[in-house]
Amino acid sequence: MGDPWQAFGYVTAGVLVYGFIGWLLDRWWGTTFMVAIGILAGAGLGIYMTFGRFGRPPETPATPDSTTGTSETGRTEE
């Protein structure tokens, strides 16, 4: 299980870093849209890094159901 603050840090850092790069490009090129593109790209890459770092949650093993004697998959336990 991962630390939620680390996941928050990935997304926040992506927005800040790529938003700043977009702002610099806006100043250099004289445009007004690169900061928005940088923020969106940073958020997307931050979410990508979060999934890359933490992956999917672990699957829980099937446990027998105490009332019917079957597991979650429907097979009878013997």
Protein backbone atom coordinates (compact mmCIF):
# COMPACT_ATOMS: atom_id res chain seq x y z
CA MET A 1 0.00 0.00 0.00
CA GLY A 2 1.35 3.41 -0.88
CA ASP A 3 1.43 6.66 0.98
CA PRO A 4 -1.39 8.98 -0.17
CA TRP A 5 0.79 12.04 0.42
CA GLN A 6 3.30 10.69 -2.07
CA ALA A 7 0.54 10.27 -4.65
CA PHE A 8 -0.64 13.82 -3.94
CA GLY A 9 2.96 15.01 -4.31
CA TYR A 10 3.31 13.42 -7.76
CA VAL A 11 0.21 15.20 -9.07
CA THR A 12 1.03 18.52 -7.40
CA ALA A 13 4.64 18.48 -8.56
CA GLY A 14 3.54 17.67 -12.11
CA VAL A 15 1.12 20.58 -12.17
CA LEU A 16 3.66 23.00 -10.70
CA VAL A 17 6.64 21.96 -12.82
CA TYR A 18 4.84 21.69 -16.15
CA GLY A 19 2.70 24.73 -15.41
CA PHE A 20 5.88 26.71 -14.79
CA ILE A 21 7.41 25.40 -18.01
CA GLY A 22 4.22 26.42 -19.83
CA TRP A 23 4.40 29.87 -18.24
CA LEU A 24 8.01 30.25 -19.37
CA LEU A 25 7.06 29.23 -22.91
CA ASP A 26 4.20 31.75 -22.85
CA ARG A 27 6.61 34.51 -21.87
CA TRP A 28 9.16 33.45 -24.49
CA TRP A 29 6.70 32.94 -27.38
CA GLY A 30 4.25 35.69 -26.42
CA THR A 31 1.28 33.31 -26.18
CA THR A 32 -1.33 32.76 -23.46
CA PHE A 33 -2.30 29.09 -23.79
CA MET A 34 0.89 27.16 -22.98
CA VAL A 35 0.43 27.50 -19.22
CA ALA A 36 -2.96 25.74 -19.49
CA ILE A 37 -1.44 23.00 -21.63
CA GLY A 38 1.42 22.66 -19.13
CA ILE A 39 -0.96 22.35 -16.17
CA LEU A 40 -3.09 19.71 -17.92
CA ALA A 41 -0.03 17.78 -19.11
CA GLY A 42 1.48 17.96 -15.61
CA ALA A 43 -1.71 16.65 -14.03
CA GLY A 44 -1.91 13.83 -16.56
CA LEU A 45 1.72 12.86 -16.10
CA GLY A 46 1.37 13.08 -12.32
CA ILE A 47 -1.57 10.67 -12.40
CA TYR A 48 0.37 8.41 -14.76
CA MET A 49 3.34 8.41 -12.36
CA THR A 50 1.03 7.65 -9.45
CA PHE A 51 -0.41 4.59 -11.20
CA GLY A 52 3.07 3.58 -12.32
CA ARG A 53 4.38 3.80 -8.76
CA PHE A 54 1.49 2.27 -6.86
CA GLY A 55 -0.17 0.13 -9.52
CA ARG A 56 -3.46 -1.61 -8.97
CA PRO A 57 -4.62 -2.49 -5.47
CA PRO A 58 -3.75 -6.05 -4.43
CA GLU A 59 -6.44 -8.61 -5.06
CA THR A 60 -7.90 -10.28 -2.01
CA PRO A 61 -7.93 -14.07 -2.03
CA ALA A 62 -11.29 -15.82 -2.23
CA THR A 63 -12.41 -16.83 1.23
CA PRO A 64 -15.05 -19.47 1.94
CA ASP A 65 -18.48 -18.11 2.73
CA SER A 66 -19.36 -19.38 6.18
CA THR A 67 -23.10 -19.57 5.51
CA THR A 68 -23.17 -21.53 2.24
CA GLY A 69 -19.82 -23.28 2.14
CA THR A 70 -18.97 -21.73 -1.21
CA SER A 71 -16.21 -19.32 -2.07
CA GLU A 72 -16.74 -15.94 -3.73
CA THR A 73 -16.22 -17.62 -7.11
CA GLY A 74 -19.20 -19.90 -6.53
CA ARG A 75 -17.23 -23.14 -6.17
CA THR A 76 -18.10 -25.48 -3.32
CA GLU A 77 -15.30 -25.90 -0.81
CA GLU A 78 -14.62 -29.50 0.15
